[in-house]
């Protein structure tokens, strides 16, 4: 179960690193607009906000990577903390922005958290 947990944590970290790239560097491009369903005018006007959001996603990914590389008990604690943050943010995002956020962010994070707790 430990390996499964670590693989799931790594996948969640990779997804959030990808969000960093989309939000910080690709937001105002065709790819970024397609990913988030925005218009050229909206993406141009909200690029700074999106970059800030991307930075937060990068911090979440970095925290999960830290949790993968650190020794216990820090590894376990970091994984539980950052996955919990992502679940809360995903539920809030699903309630306020788009239900899709639930399946893209909250559910994968919850599955990873469950595996971490079972392995711990």
PDB file of N, CA and C in Angstrom:
ATOM      1  N   UNK A   1       0.813  -1.189   0.000  1.00  0.00           N
ATOM      2  CA  UNK A   1       0.000   0.000   0.000  1.00  0.00           C
ATOM      3  C   UNK A   1       0.863   1.261   0.000  1.00  0.00           C
ATOM      4  N   UNK A   2       2.033   1.174   0.579  1.00  0.00           N
ATOM      5  CA  UNK A   2       2.928   2.336   0.633  1.00  0.00           C
ATOM      6  C   UNK A   2       3.292   2.810  -0.773  1.00  0.00           C
ATOM      7  N   UNK A   3       3.612   1.885  -1.660  1.00  0.00           N
ATOM      8  CA  UNK A   3       3.992   2.267  -3.029  1.00  0.00           C
ATOM      9  C   UNK A   3       2.796   2.882  -3.751  1.00  0.00           C
ATOM     10  N   UNK A   4       1.625   2.312  -3.580  1.00  0.00           N
ATOM     11  CA  UNK A   4       0.418   2.872  -4.197  1.00  0.00           C
ATOM     12  C   UNK A   4       0.185   4.297  -3.720  1.00  0.00           C
ATOM     13  N   UNK A   5       0.330   4.509  -2.419  1.00  0.00           N
ATOM     14  CA  UNK A   5       0.143   5.847  -1.854  1.00  0.00           C
ATOM     15  C   UNK A   5       1.134   6.836  -2.458  1.00  0.00           C
ATOM     16  N   UNK A   6       2.381   6.432  -2.556  1.00  0.00           N
ATOM     17  CA  UNK A   6       3.401   7.338  -3.076  1.00  0.00           C
ATOM     18  C   UNK A   6       3.186   7.648  -4.559  1.00  0.00           C
ATOM     19  N   UNK A   7       2.736   6.654  -5.310  1.00  0.00           N
ATOM     20  CA  UNK A   7       2.432   6.882  -6.730  1.00  0.00           C
ATOM     21  C   UNK A   7       1.274   7.867  -6.869  1.00  0.00           C
ATOM     22  N   UNK A   8       0.230   7.701  -6.055  1.00  0.00           N
ATOM     23  CA  UNK A   8      -0.910   8.621  -6.119  1.00  0.00           C
ATOM     24  C   UNK A   8      -0.510  10.039  -5.717  1.00  0.00           C
ATOM     25  N   UNK A   9       0.315  10.172  -4.695  1.00  0.00           N
ATOM     26  CA  UNK A   9       0.799  11.495  -4.282  1.00  0.00           C
ATOM     27  C   UNK A   9       1.612  12.119  -5.415  1.00  0.00           C
ATOM     28  N   UNK A  10       2.461  11.340  -6.042  1.00  0.00           N
ATOM     29  CA  UNK A  10       3.271  11.850  -7.151  1.00  0.00           C
ATOM     30  C   UNK A  10       2.390  12.298  -8.313  1.00  0.00           C
ATOM     31  N   UNK A  11       1.344  11.539  -8.609  1.00  0.00           N
ATOM     32  CA  UNK A  11       0.433  11.920  -9.698  1.00  0.00           C
ATOM     33  C   UNK A  11      -0.288  13.223  -9.384  1.00  0.00           C
ATOM     34  N   UNK A  12      -0.738  13.386  -8.163  1.00  0.00           N
ATOM     35  CA  UNK A  12      -1.392  14.641  -7.771  1.00  0.00           C
ATOM     36  C   UNK A  12      -0.397  15.798  -7.884  1.00  0.00           C
ATOM     37  N   UNK A  13       0.838  15.576  -7.461  1.00  0.00           N
ATOM     38  CA  UNK A  13       1.867  16.621  -7.579  1.00  0.00           C
ATOM     39  C   UNK A  13       2.104  16.983  -9.042  1.00  0.00           C
ATOM     40  N   UNK A  14       2.173  15.992  -9.909  1.00  0.00           N
ATOM     41  CA  UNK A  14       2.374  16.255 -11.341  1.00  0.00           C
ATOM     42  C   UNK A  14       1.218  17.048 -11.950  1.00  0.00           C
ATOM     43  N   UNK A  15       0.010  16.697 -11.577  1.00  0.00           N
ATOM     44  CA  UNK A  15      -1.155  17.426 -12.088  1.00  0.00           C
ATOM     45  C   UNK A  15      -1.082  18.892 -11.669  1.00  0.00           C
ATOM     46  N   UNK A  16      -0.700  19.143 -10.423  1.00  0.00           N
ATOM     47  CA  UNK A  16      -0.638  20.529  -9.968  1.00  0.00           C
ATOM     48  C   UNK A  16       0.566  21.277 -10.544  1.00  0.00           C
ATOM     49  N   UNK A  17       1.622  20.579 -10.848  1.00  0.00           N
ATOM     50  CA  UNK A  17       2.733  21.223 -11.572  1.00  0.00           C
ATOM     51  C   UNK A  17       2.272  21.600 -12.978  1.00  0.00           C
ATOM     52  N   UNK A  18       1.457  20.761 -13.584  1.00  0.00           N
ATOM     53  CA  UNK A  18       0.891  21.063 -14.900  1.00  0.00           C
ATOM     54  C   UNK A  18      -0.037  22.278 -14.820  1.00  0.00           C
ATOM     55  N   UNK A  19      -0.834  22.356 -13.748  1.00  0.00           N
ATOM     56  CA  UNK A  19      -1.687  23.530 -13.550  1.00  0.00           C
ATOM     57  C   UNK A  19      -0.840  24.793 -13.450  1.00  0.00           C
ATOM     58  N   UNK A  20       0.300  24.696 -12.764  1.00  0.00           N
ATOM     59  CA  UNK A  20       1.211  25.844 -12.679  1.00  0.00           C
ATOM     60  C   UNK A  20       1.589  26.316 -14.078  1.00  0.00           C
ATOM     61  N   UNK A  21       1.984  25.390 -14.928  1.00  0.00           N
ATOM     62  CA  UNK A  21       2.391  25.747 -16.295  1.00  0.00           C
ATOM     63  C   UNK A  21       1.216  26.361 -17.055  1.00  0.00           C
ATOM     64  N   UNK A  22       0.048  25.735 -16.965  1.00  0.00           N
ATOM     65  CA  UNK A  22      -1.125  26.254 -17.674  1.00  0.00           C
ATOM     66  C   UNK A  22      -1.485  27.662 -17.204  1.00  0.00           C
ATOM     67  N   UNK A  23      -1.488  27.858 -15.906  1.00  0.00           N
ATOM     68  CA  UNK A  23      -1.958  29.131 -15.369  1.00  0.00           C
ATOM     69  C   UNK A  23      -0.908  30.233 -15.424  1.00  0.00           C
ATOM     70  N   UNK A  24       0.345  29.884 -15.281  1.00  0.00           N
ATOM     71  CA  UNK A  24       1.383  30.920 -15.280  1.00  0.00           C
ATOM     72  C   UNK A  24       1.911  31.246 -16.667  1.00  0.00           C
ATOM     73  N   UNK A  25       1.990  30.262 -17.533  1.00  0.00           N
ATOM     74  CA  UNK A  25       2.679  30.458 -18.814  1.00  0.00           C
ATOM     75  C   UNK A  25       1.791  30.279 -20.041  1.00  0.00           C
ATOM     76  N   UNK A  26       0.709  29.514 -19.927  1.00  0.00           N
ATOM     77  CA  UNK A  26      -0.122  29.221 -21.093  1.00  0.00           C
ATOM     78  C   UNK A  26      -1.527  29.808 -21.001  1.00  0.00           C
ATOM     79  N   UNK A  27      -1.808  30.564 -19.961  1.00  0.00           N
ATOM     80  CA  UNK A  27      -3.146  31.086 -19.721  1.00  0.00           C
ATOM     81  C   UNK A  27      -3.696  31.849 -20.921  1.00  0.00           C
ATOM     82  N   UNK A  28      -2.899  32.760 -21.453  1.00  0.00           N
ATOM     83  CA  UNK A  28      -3.354  33.629 -22.535  1.00  0.00           C
ATOM     84  C   UNK A  28      -2.935  33.083 -23.902  1.00  0.00           C
ATOM     85  N   UNK A  29      -3.018  31.764 -24.052  1.00  0.00           N
ATOM     86  CA  UNK A  29      -2.735  31.102 -25.327  1.00  0.00           C
ATOM     87  C   UNK A  29      -3.947  30.253 -25.696  1.00  0.00           C
ATOM     88  N   UNK A  30      -3.973  29.767 -26.914  1.00  0.00           N
ATOM     89  CA  UNK A  30      -5.086  28.905 -27.337  1.00  0.00           C
ATOM     90  C   UNK A  30      -5.224  27.693 -26.421  1.00  0.00           C
ATOM     91  N   UNK A  31      -4.092  27.095 -26.043  1.00  0.00           N
ATOM     92  CA  UNK A  31      -4.121  25.908 -25.176  1.00  0.00           C
ATOM     93  C   UNK A  31      -4.711  26.237 -23.810  1.00  0.00           C
ATOM     94  N   UNK A  32      -4.272  27.339 -23.227  1.00  0.00           N
ATOM     95  CA  UNK A  32      -4.790  27.748 -21.925  1.00  0.00           C
ATOM     96  C   UNK A  32      -6.272  28.088 -21.982  1.00  0.00           C
ATOM     97  N   UNK A  33      -6.678  28.826 -23.021  1.00  0.00           N
ATOM     98  CA  UNK A  33      -8.093  29.173 -23.148  1.00  0.00           C
ATOM     99  C   UNK A  33      -8.951  27.934 -23.352  1.00  0.00           C
ATOM    100  N   UNK A  34      -8.450  26.964 -24.102  1.00  0.00           N
ATOM    101  CA  UNK A  34      -9.198  25.725 -24.313  1.00  0.00           C
ATOM    102  C   UNK A  34      -9.323  24.941 -22.998  1.00  0.00           C
ATOM    103  N   UNK A  35      -8.235  24.864 -22.239  1.00  0.00           N
ATOM    104  CA  UNK A  35      -8.246  24.107 -20.985  1.00  0.00           C
ATOM    105  C   UNK A  35      -9.240  24.678 -19.979  1.00  0.00           C
ATOM    106  N   UNK A  36      -9.363  26.009 -19.949  1.00  0.00           N
ATOM    107  CA  UNK A  36     -10.207  26.647 -18.945  1.00  0.00           C
ATOM    108  C   UNK A  36     -11.490  27.246 -19.516  1.00  0.00           C
ATOM    109  N   UNK A  37     -11.682  27.110 -20.833  1.00  0.00           N
ATOM    110  CA  UNK A  37     -12.908  27.597 -21.442  1.00  0.00           C
ATOM    111  C   UNK A  37     -13.080  29.098 -21.371  1.00  0.00           C
ATOM    112  N   UNK A  38     -12.005  29.833 -21.595  1.00  0.00           N
ATOM    113  CA  UNK A  38     -12.066  31.288 -21.515  1.00  0.00           C
ATOM    114  C   UNK A  38     -11.973  31.918 -22.901  1.00  0.00           C
ATOM    115  N   UNK A  39     -12.315  33.169 -22.963  1.00  0.00           N
ATOM    116  CA  UNK A  39     -12.224  33.936 -24.204  1.00  0.00           C
ATOM    117  C   UNK A  39     -10.882  34.670 -24.234  1.00  0.00           C
ATOM    118  N   UNK A  40     -10.443  35.105 -25.414  1.00  0.00           N
ATOM    119  CA  UNK A  40      -9.201  35.885 -25.480  1.00  0.00           C
ATOM    120  C   UNK A  40      -9.242  37.140 -24.600  1.00  0.00           C
ATOM    121  N   UNK A  41     -10.360  37.822 -24.585  1.00  0.00           N
ATOM    122  CA  UNK A  41     -10.453  39.038 -23.768  1.00  0.00           C
ATOM    123  C   UNK A  41     -10.336  38.707 -22.280  1.00  0.00           C
ATOM    124  N   UNK A  42     -11.049  37.666 -21.844  1.00  0.00           N
ATOM    125  CA  UNK A  42     -10.982  37.297 -20.430  1.00  0.00           C
ATOM    126  C   UNK A  42      -9.585  36.832 -20.052  1.00  0.00           C
ATOM    127  N   UNK A  43      -8.981  35.991 -20.875  1.00  0.00           N
ATOM    128  CA  UNK A  43      -7.653  35.468 -20.527  1.00  0.00           C
ATOM    129  C   UNK A  43      -6.618  36.590 -20.484  1.00  0.00           C
ATOM    130  N   UNK A  44      -6.742  37.565 -21.362  1.00  0.00           N
ATOM    131  CA  UNK A  44      -5.808  38.694 -21.361  1.00  0.00           C
ATOM    132  C   UNK A  44      -5.973  39.525 -20.077  1.00  0.00           C
ATOM    133  N   UNK A  45      -7.213  39.795 -19.705  1.00  0.00           N
ATOM    134  CA  UNK A  45      -7.476  40.630 -18.529  1.00  0.00           C
ATOM    135  C   UNK A  45      -7.213  39.921 -17.203  1.00  0.00           C
ATOM    136  N   UNK A  46      -7.280  38.605 -17.186  1.00  0.00           N
ATOM    137  CA  UNK A  46      -7.115  37.859 -15.936  1.00  0.00           C
ATOM    138  C   UNK A  46      -5.773  37.139 -15.844  1.00  0.00           C
ATOM    139  N   UNK A  47      -4.849  37.422 -16.726  1.00  0.00           N
ATOM    140  CA  UNK A  47      -3.570  36.696 -16.756  1.00  0.00           C
ATOM    141  C   UNK A  47      -2.800  36.811 -15.449  1.00  0.00           C
ATOM    142  N   UNK A  48      -2.799  37.988 -14.837  1.00  0.00           N
ATOM    143  CA  UNK A  48      -2.063  38.166 -13.579  1.00  0.00           C
ATOM    144  C   UNK A  48      -2.695  37.343 -12.465  1.00  0.00           C
ATOM    145  N   UNK A  49      -4.018  37.334 -12.401  1.00  0.00           N
ATOM    146  CA  UNK A  49      -4.699  36.520 -11.390  1.00  0.00           C
ATOM    147  C   UNK A  49      -4.430  35.038 -11.604  1.00  0.00           C
ATOM    148  N   UNK A  50      -4.454  34.614 -12.858  1.00  0.00           N
ATOM    149  CA  UNK A  50      -4.199  33.207 -13.167  1.00  0.00           C
ATOM    150  C   UNK A  50      -2.770  32.817 -12.798  1.00  0.00           C
ATOM    151  N   UNK A  51      -1.819  33.719 -13.057  1.00  0.00           N
ATOM    152  CA  UNK A  51      -0.428  33.433 -12.701  1.00  0.00           C
ATOM    153  C   UNK A  51      -0.281  33.266 -11.191  1.00  0.00           C
ATOM    154  N   UNK A  52      -0.991  34.081 -10.430  1.00  0.00           N
ATOM    155  CA  UNK A  52      -0.965  33.966  -8.980  1.00  0.00           C
ATOM    156  C   UNK A  52      -1.532  32.617  -8.550  1.00  0.00           C
ATOM    157  N   UNK A  53      -2.619  32.217  -9.164  1.00  0.00           N
ATOM    158  CA  UNK A  53      -3.228  30.916  -8.872  1.00  0.00           C
ATOM    159  C   UNK A  53      -2.280  29.781  -9.254  1.00  0.00           C
ATOM    160  N   UNK A  54      -1.600  29.935 -10.377  1.00  0.00           N
ATOM    161  CA  UNK A  54      -0.627  28.937 -10.798  1.00  0.00           C
ATOM    162  C   UNK A  54       0.502  28.787  -9.799  1.00  0.00           C
ATOM    163  N   UNK A  55       0.936  29.917  -9.248  1.00  0.00           N
ATOM    164  CA  UNK A  55       1.997  29.874  -8.241  1.00  0.00           C
ATOM    165  C   UNK A  55       1.553  29.065  -7.024  1.00  0.00           C
ATOM    166  N   UNK A  56       0.307  29.264  -6.593  1.00  0.00           N
ATOM    167  CA  UNK A  56      -0.222  28.487  -5.475  1.00  0.00           C
ATOM    168  C   UNK A  56      -0.243  26.993  -5.810  1.00  0.00           C
ATOM    169  N   UNK A  57      -0.639  26.657  -7.021  1.00  0.00           N
ATOM    170  CA  UNK A  57      -0.620  25.254  -7.426  1.00  0.00           C
ATOM    171  C   UNK A  57       0.800  24.702  -7.405  1.00  0.00           C
ATOM    172  N   UNK A  58       1.765  25.525  -7.783  1.00  0.00           N
ATOM    173  CA  UNK A  58       3.162  25.112  -7.716  1.00  0.00           C
ATOM    174  C   UNK A  58       3.604  24.834  -6.290  1.00  0.00           C
ATOM    175  N   UNK A  59       3.150  25.681  -5.358  1.00  0.00           N
ATOM    176  CA  UNK A  59       3.489  25.448  -3.952  1.00  0.00           C
ATOM    177  C   UNK A  59       2.871  24.145  -3.449  1.00  0.00           C
ATOM    178  N   UNK A  60       1.670  23.843  -3.890  1.00  0.00           N
ATOM    179  CA  UNK A  60       1.038  22.576  -3.498  1.00  0.00           C
ATOM    180  C   UNK A  60       1.838  21.393  -4.048  1.00  0.00           C
ATOM    181  N   UNK A  61       2.246  21.495  -5.297  1.00  0.00           N
ATOM    182  CA  UNK A  61       3.054  20.425  -5.899  1.00  0.00           C
ATOM    183  C   UNK A  61       4.379  20.288  -5.157  1.00  0.00           C
ATOM    184  N   UNK A  62       5.008  21.416  -4.844  1.00  0.00           N
ATOM    185  CA  UNK A  62       6.291  21.383  -4.124  1.00  0.00           C
ATOM    186  C   UNK A  62       6.128  20.742  -2.748  1.00  0.00           C
ATOM    187  N   UNK A  63       5.038  21.053  -2.072  1.00  0.00           N
ATOM    188  CA  UNK A  63       4.798  20.452  -0.762  1.00  0.00           C
ATOM    189  C   UNK A  63       4.622  18.949  -0.850  1.00  0.00           C
ATOM    190  N   UNK A  64       3.950  18.493  -1.879  1.00  0.00           N
ATOM    191  CA  UNK A  64       3.779  17.047  -2.055  1.00  0.00           C
ATOM    192  C   UNK A  64       5.098  16.372  -2.405  1.00  0.00           C
ATOM    193  N   UNK A  65       5.904  17.018  -3.226  1.00  0.00           N
ATOM    194  CA  UNK A  65       7.229  16.464  -3.545  1.00  0.00           C
ATOM    195  C   UNK A  65       8.079  16.411  -2.278  1.00  0.00           C
ATOM    196  N   UNK A  66       8.020  17.447  -1.470  1.00  0.00           N
ATOM    197  CA  UNK A  66       8.712  17.439  -0.180  1.00  0.00           C
ATOM    198  C   UNK A  66       8.249  16.238   0.636  1.00  0.00           C
ATOM    199  N   UNK A  67       6.946  15.999   0.653  1.00  0.00           N
ATOM    200  CA  UNK A  67       6.415  14.851   1.371  1.00  0.00           C
ATOM    201  C   UNK A  67       6.887  13.522   0.815  1.00  0.00           C
ATOM    202  N   UNK A  68       7.175  13.477  -0.469  1.00  0.00           N
ATOM    203  CA  UNK A  68       7.702  12.242  -1.067  1.00  0.00           C
ATOM    204  C   UNK A  68       9.176  12.034  -0.742  1.00  0.00           C
ATOM    205  N   UNK A  69       9.916  13.120  -0.584  1.00  0.00           N
ATOM    206  CA  UNK A  69      11.366  13.024  -0.394  1.00  0.00           C
ATOM    207  C   UNK A  69      11.800  13.013   1.068  1.00  0.00           C
ATOM    208  N   UNK A  70      10.997  13.585   1.939  1.00  0.00           N
ATOM    209  CA  UNK A  70      11.366  13.678   3.355  1.00  0.00           C
ATOM    210  C   UNK A  70      11.234  12.316   4.029  1.00  0.00           C
ATOM    211  N   UNK A  71      11.888  12.190   5.143  1.00  0.00           N
ATOM    212  CA  UNK A  71      11.726  10.986   5.959  1.00  0.00           C
ATOM    213  C   UNK A  71      10.554  11.158   6.906  1.00  0.00           C
ATOM    214  N   UNK A  72      10.044  10.041   7.402  1.00  0.00           N
ATOM    215  CA  UNK A  72       8.946  10.112   8.371  1.00  0.00           C
ATOM    216  C   UNK A  72       9.467  10.608   9.706  1.00  0.00           C
ATOM    217  N   UNK A  73       8.690  11.312  10.484  1.00  0.00           N
ATOM    218  CA  UNK A  73       7.256  11.544  10.343  1.00  0.00           C
ATOM    219  C   UNK A  73       6.907  12.727   9.428  1.00  0.00           C
ATOM    220  N   UNK A  74       7.908  13.504   9.008  1.00  0.00           N
ATOM    221  CA  UNK A  74       7.638  14.689   8.188  1.00  0.00           C
ATOM    222  C   UNK A  74       6.957  14.318   6.869  1.00  0.00           C
ATOM    223  N   UNK A  75       7.392  13.244   6.230  1.00  0.00           N
ATOM    224  CA  UNK A  75       6.818  12.838   4.946  1.00  0.00           C
ATOM    225  C   UNK A  75       5.309  12.621   5.081  1.00  0.00           C
ATOM    226  N   UNK A  76       4.929  11.847   6.064  1.00  0.00           N
ATOM    227  CA  UNK A  76       3.515  11.557   6.297  1.00  0.00           C
ATOM    228  C   UNK A  76       2.744  12.840   6.598  1.00  0.00           C
ATOM    229  N   UNK A  77       3.288  13.650   7.492  1.00  0.00           N
ATOM    230  CA  UNK A  77       2.612  14.887   7.891  1.00  0.00           C
ATOM    231  C   UNK A  77       2.463  15.849   6.713  1.00  0.00           C
ATOM    232  N   UNK A  78       3.496  16.001   5.918  1.00  0.00           N
ATOM    233  CA  UNK A  78       3.442  16.907   4.768  1.00  0.00           C
ATOM    234  C   UNK A  78       2.422  16.413   3.746  1.00  0.00           C
ATOM    235  N   UNK A  79       2.412  15.125   3.490  1.00  0.00           N
ATOM    236  CA  UNK A  79       1.458  14.588   2.527  1.00  0.00           C
ATOM    237  C   UNK A  79       0.024  14.788   3.008  1.00  0.00           C
ATOM    238  N   UNK A  80      -0.233  14.503   4.265  1.00  0.00           N
ATOM    239  CA  UNK A  80      -1.576  14.680   4.814  1.00  0.00           C
ATOM    240  C   UNK A  80      -1.982  16.156   4.749  1.00  0.00           C
ATOM    241  N   UNK A  81      -1.092  17.045   5.131  1.00  0.00           N
ATOM    242  CA  UNK A  81      -1.410  18.470   5.133  1.00  0.00           C
ATOM    243  C   UNK A  81      -1.704  18.987   3.725  1.00  0.00           C
ATOM    244  N   UNK A  82      -0.801  18.748   2.778  1.00  0.00           N
ATOM    245  CA  UNK A  82      -0.975  19.305   1.436  1.00  0.00           C
ATOM    246  C   UNK A  82      -2.146  18.654   0.696  1.00  0.00           C
ATOM    247  N   UNK A  83      -2.338  17.368   0.857  1.00  0.00           N
ATOM    248  CA  UNK A  83      -3.498  16.720   0.233  1.00  0.00           C
ATOM    249  C   UNK A  83      -4.799  17.247   0.829  1.00  0.00           C
ATOM    250  N   UNK A  84      -4.820  17.467   2.129  1.00  0.00           N
ATOM    251  CA  UNK A  84      -6.007  18.034   2.774  1.00  0.00           C
ATOM    252  C   UNK A  84      -6.305  19.433   2.246  1.00  0.00           C
ATOM    253  N   UNK A  85      -5.260  20.241   2.080  1.00  0.00           N
ATOM    254  CA  UNK A  85      -5.442  21.582   1.504  1.00  0.00           C
ATOM    255  C   UNK A  85      -6.047  21.497   0.112  1.00  0.00           C
ATOM    256  N   UNK A  86      -5.561  20.569  -0.693  1.00  0.00           N
ATOM    257  CA  UNK A  86      -6.066  20.418  -2.055  1.00  0.00           C
ATOM    258  C   UNK A  86      -7.512  19.945  -2.071  1.00  0.00           C
ATOM    259  N   UNK A  87      -7.882  19.094  -1.134  1.00  0.00           N
ATOM    260  CA  UNK A  87      -9.271  18.638  -1.055  1.00  0.00           C
ATOM    261  C   UNK A  87     -10.189  19.808  -0.712  1.00  0.00           C
ATOM    262  N   UNK A  88      -9.808  20.582   0.297  1.00  0.00           N
ATOM    263  CA  UNK A  88     -10.622  21.735   0.696  1.00  0.00           C
ATOM    264  C   UNK A  88     -10.739  22.727  -0.459  1.00  0.00           C
ATOM    265  N   UNK A  89      -9.627  23.029  -1.112  1.00  0.00           N
ATOM    266  CA  UNK A  89      -9.647  23.958  -2.240  1.00  0.00           C
ATOM    267  C   UNK A  89     -10.482  23.405  -3.392  1.00  0.00           C
ATOM    268  N   UNK A  90     -10.398  22.111  -3.626  1.00  0.00           N
ATOM    269  CA  UNK A  90     -11.172  21.488  -4.698  1.00  0.00           C
ATOM    270  C   UNK A  90     -12.661  21.517  -4.423  1.00  0.00           C
ATOM    271  N   UNK A  91     -13.061  21.259  -3.191  1.00  0.00           N
ATOM    272  CA  UNK A  91     -14.477  21.311  -2.828  1.00  0.00           C
ATOM    273  C   UNK A  91     -14.988  22.750  -2.940  1.00  0.00           C
ATOM    274  N   UNK A  92     -14.199  23.694  -2.460  1.00  0.00           N
ATOM    275  CA  UNK A  92     -14.595  25.106  -2.559  1.00  0.00           C
ATOM    276  C   UNK A  92     -14.685  25.535  -4.027  1.00  0.00           C
ATOM    277  N   UNK A  93     -13.707  25.155  -4.820  1.00  0.00           N
ATOM    278  CA  UNK A  93     -13.730  25.485  -6.245  1.00  0.00           C
ATOM    279  C   UNK A  93     -14.921  24.873  -6.963  1.00  0.00           C
ATOM    280  N   UNK A  94     -15.256  23.642  -6.600  1.00  0.00           N
ATOM    281  CA  UNK A  94     -16.414  22.986  -7.209  1.00  0.00           C
ATOM    282  C   UNK A  94     -17.704  23.696  -6.830  1.00  0.00           C
ATOM    283  N   UNK A  95     -17.770  24.202  -5.605  1.00  0.00           N
ATOM    284  CA  UNK A  95     -18.978  24.885  -5.140  1.00  0.00           C
ATOM    285  C   UNK A  95     -19.106  26.292  -5.719  1.00  0.00           C
ATOM    286  N   UNK A  96     -17.977  26.922  -6.028  1.00  0.00           N
ATOM    287  CA  UNK A  96     -18.023  28.335  -6.421  1.00  0.00           C
ATOM    288  C   UNK A  96     -17.679  28.605  -7.881  1.00  0.00           C
ATOM    289  N   UNK A  97     -16.946  27.687  -8.531  1.00  0.00           N
ATOM    290  CA  UNK A  97     -16.494  27.951  -9.903  1.00  0.00           C
ATOM    291  C   UNK A  97     -17.036  26.927 -10.881  1.00  0.00           C
ATOM    292  N   UNK A  98     -16.678  25.665 -10.691  1.00  0.00           N
ATOM    293  CA  UNK A  98     -17.076  24.618 -11.626  1.00  0.00           C
ATOM    294  C   UNK A  98     -17.035  23.268 -10.926  1.00  0.00           C
ATOM    295  N   UNK A  99     -18.074  22.476 -11.144  1.00  0.00           N
ATOM    296  CA  UNK A  99     -18.114  21.132 -10.540  1.00  0.00           C
ATOM    297  C   UNK A  99     -16.981  20.251 -11.049  1.00  0.00           C
ATOM    298  N   UNK A 100     -16.454  20.581 -12.218  1.00  0.00           N
ATOM    299  CA  UNK A 100     -15.346  19.816 -12.799  1.00  0.00           C
ATOM    300  C   UNK A 100     -14.141  19.786 -11.855  1.00  0.00           C
ATOM    301  N   UNK A 101     -13.962  20.840 -11.072  1.00  0.00           N
ATOM    302  CA  UNK A 101     -12.831  20.921 -10.143  1.00  0.00           C
ATOM    303  C   UNK A 101     -12.883  19.780  -9.128  1.00  0.00           C
ATOM    304  N   UNK A 102     -14.077  19.342  -8.798  1.00  0.00           N
ATOM    305  CA  UNK A 102     -14.220  18.234  -7.859  1.00  0.00           C
ATOM    306  C   UNK A 102     -13.531  16.986  -8.395  1.00  0.00           C
ATOM    307  N   UNK A 103     -13.757  16.671  -9.668  1.00  0.00           N
ATOM    308  CA  UNK A 103     -13.175  15.452 -10.237  1.00  0.00           C
ATOM    309  C   UNK A 103     -11.716  15.618 -10.638  1.00  0.00           C
ATOM    310  N   UNK A 104     -11.294  16.836 -10.910  1.00  0.00           N
ATOM    311  CA  UNK A 104      -9.908  17.058 -11.338  1.00  0.00           C
ATOM    312  C   UNK A 104      -8.969  17.244 -10.144  1.00  0.00           C
ATOM    313  N   UNK A 105      -9.462  17.853  -9.067  1.00  0.00           N
ATOM    314  CA  UNK A 105      -8.593  18.172  -7.942  1.00  0.00           C
ATOM    315  C   UNK A 105      -8.970  17.448  -6.653  1.00  0.00           C
ATOM    316  N   UNK A 106     -10.222  17.558  -6.230  1.00  0.00           N
ATOM    317  CA  UNK A 106     -10.590  17.024  -4.915  1.00  0.00           C
ATOM    318  C   UNK A 106     -10.584  15.502  -4.863  1.00  0.00           C
ATOM    319  N   UNK A 107     -11.168  14.851  -5.859  1.00  0.00           N
ATOM    320  CA  UNK A 107     -11.258  13.382  -5.822  1.00  0.00           C
ATOM    321  C   UNK A 107      -9.873  12.724  -5.900  1.00  0.00           C
ATOM    322  N   UNK A 108      -9.004  13.118  -6.856  1.00  0.00           N
ATOM    323  CA  UNK A 108      -7.671  12.503  -6.860  1.00  0.00           C
ATOM    324  C   UNK A 108      -6.899  12.746  -5.551  1.00  0.00           C
ATOM    325  N   UNK A 109      -7.048  13.940  -4.999  1.00  0.00           N
ATOM    326  CA  UNK A 109      -6.369  14.242  -3.730  1.00  0.00           C
ATOM    327  C   UNK A 109      -6.938  13.399  -2.597  1.00  0.00           C
ATOM    328  N   UNK A 110      -8.249  13.198  -2.594  1.00  0.00           N
ATOM    329  CA  UNK A 110      -8.876  12.376  -1.557  1.00  0.00           C
ATOM    330  C   UNK A 110      -8.450  10.912  -1.676  1.00  0.00           C
ATOM    331  N   UNK A 111      -8.358  10.421  -2.897  1.00  0.00           N
ATOM    332  CA  UNK A 111      -7.878   9.045  -3.089  1.00  0.00           C
ATOM    333  C   UNK A 111      -6.439   8.894  -2.606  1.00  0.00           C
ATOM    334  N   UNK A 112      -5.603   9.867  -2.934  1.00  0.00           N
ATOM    335  CA  UNK A 112      -4.218   9.827  -2.483  1.00  0.00           C
ATOM    336  C   UNK A 112      -4.146   9.914  -0.962  1.00  0.00           C
ATOM    337  N   UNK A 113      -4.952  10.801  -0.368  1.00  0.00           N
ATOM    338  CA  UNK A 113      -4.959  10.932   1.093  1.00  0.00           C
ATOM    339  C   UNK A 113      -5.405   9.623   1.740  1.00  0.00           C
ATOM    340  N   UNK A 114      -6.437   9.009   1.210  1.00  0.00           N
ATOM    341  CA  UNK A 114      -6.879   7.734   1.749  1.00  0.00           C
ATOM    342  C   UNK A 114      -5.779   6.692   1.711  1.00  0.00           C
ATOM    343  N   UNK A 115      -5.062   6.638   0.599  1.00  0.00           N
ATOM    344  CA  UNK A 115      -3.966   5.669   0.481  1.00  0.00           C
ATOM    345  C   UNK A 115      -2.840   5.983   1.454  1.00  0.00           C
ATOM    346  N   UNK A 116      -2.527   7.265   1.615  1.00  0.00           N
ATOM    347  CA  UNK A 116      -1.472   7.663   2.568  1.00  0.00           C
ATOM    348  C   UNK A 116      -1.878   7.255   3.982  1.00  0.00           C
ATOM    349  N   UNK A 117      -3.123   7.527   4.344  1.00  0.00           N
ATOM    350  CA  UNK A 117      -3.577   7.179   5.700  1.00  0.00           C
ATOM    351  C   UNK A 117      -3.582   5.673   5.921  1.00  0.00           C
ATOM    352  N   UNK A 118      -3.996   4.916   4.919  1.00  0.00           N
ATOM    353  CA  UNK A 118      -3.972   3.453   5.039  1.00  0.00           C
ATOM    354  C   UNK A 118      -2.552   2.906   5.137  1.00  0.00           C
ATOM    355  N   UNK A 119      -1.644   3.515   4.397  1.00  0.00           N
ATOM    356  CA  UNK A 119      -0.250   3.060   4.414  1.00  0.00           C
ATOM    357  C   UNK A 119       0.464   3.466   5.692  1.00  0.00           C
ATOM    358  N   UNK A 120       0.003   4.576   6.284  1.00  0.00           N
ATOM    359  CA  UNK A 120       0.668   5.121   7.483  1.00  0.00           C
ATOM    360  C   UNK A 120       0.315   4.334   8.698  1.00  0.00           C
TER     361      UNK A 120
END
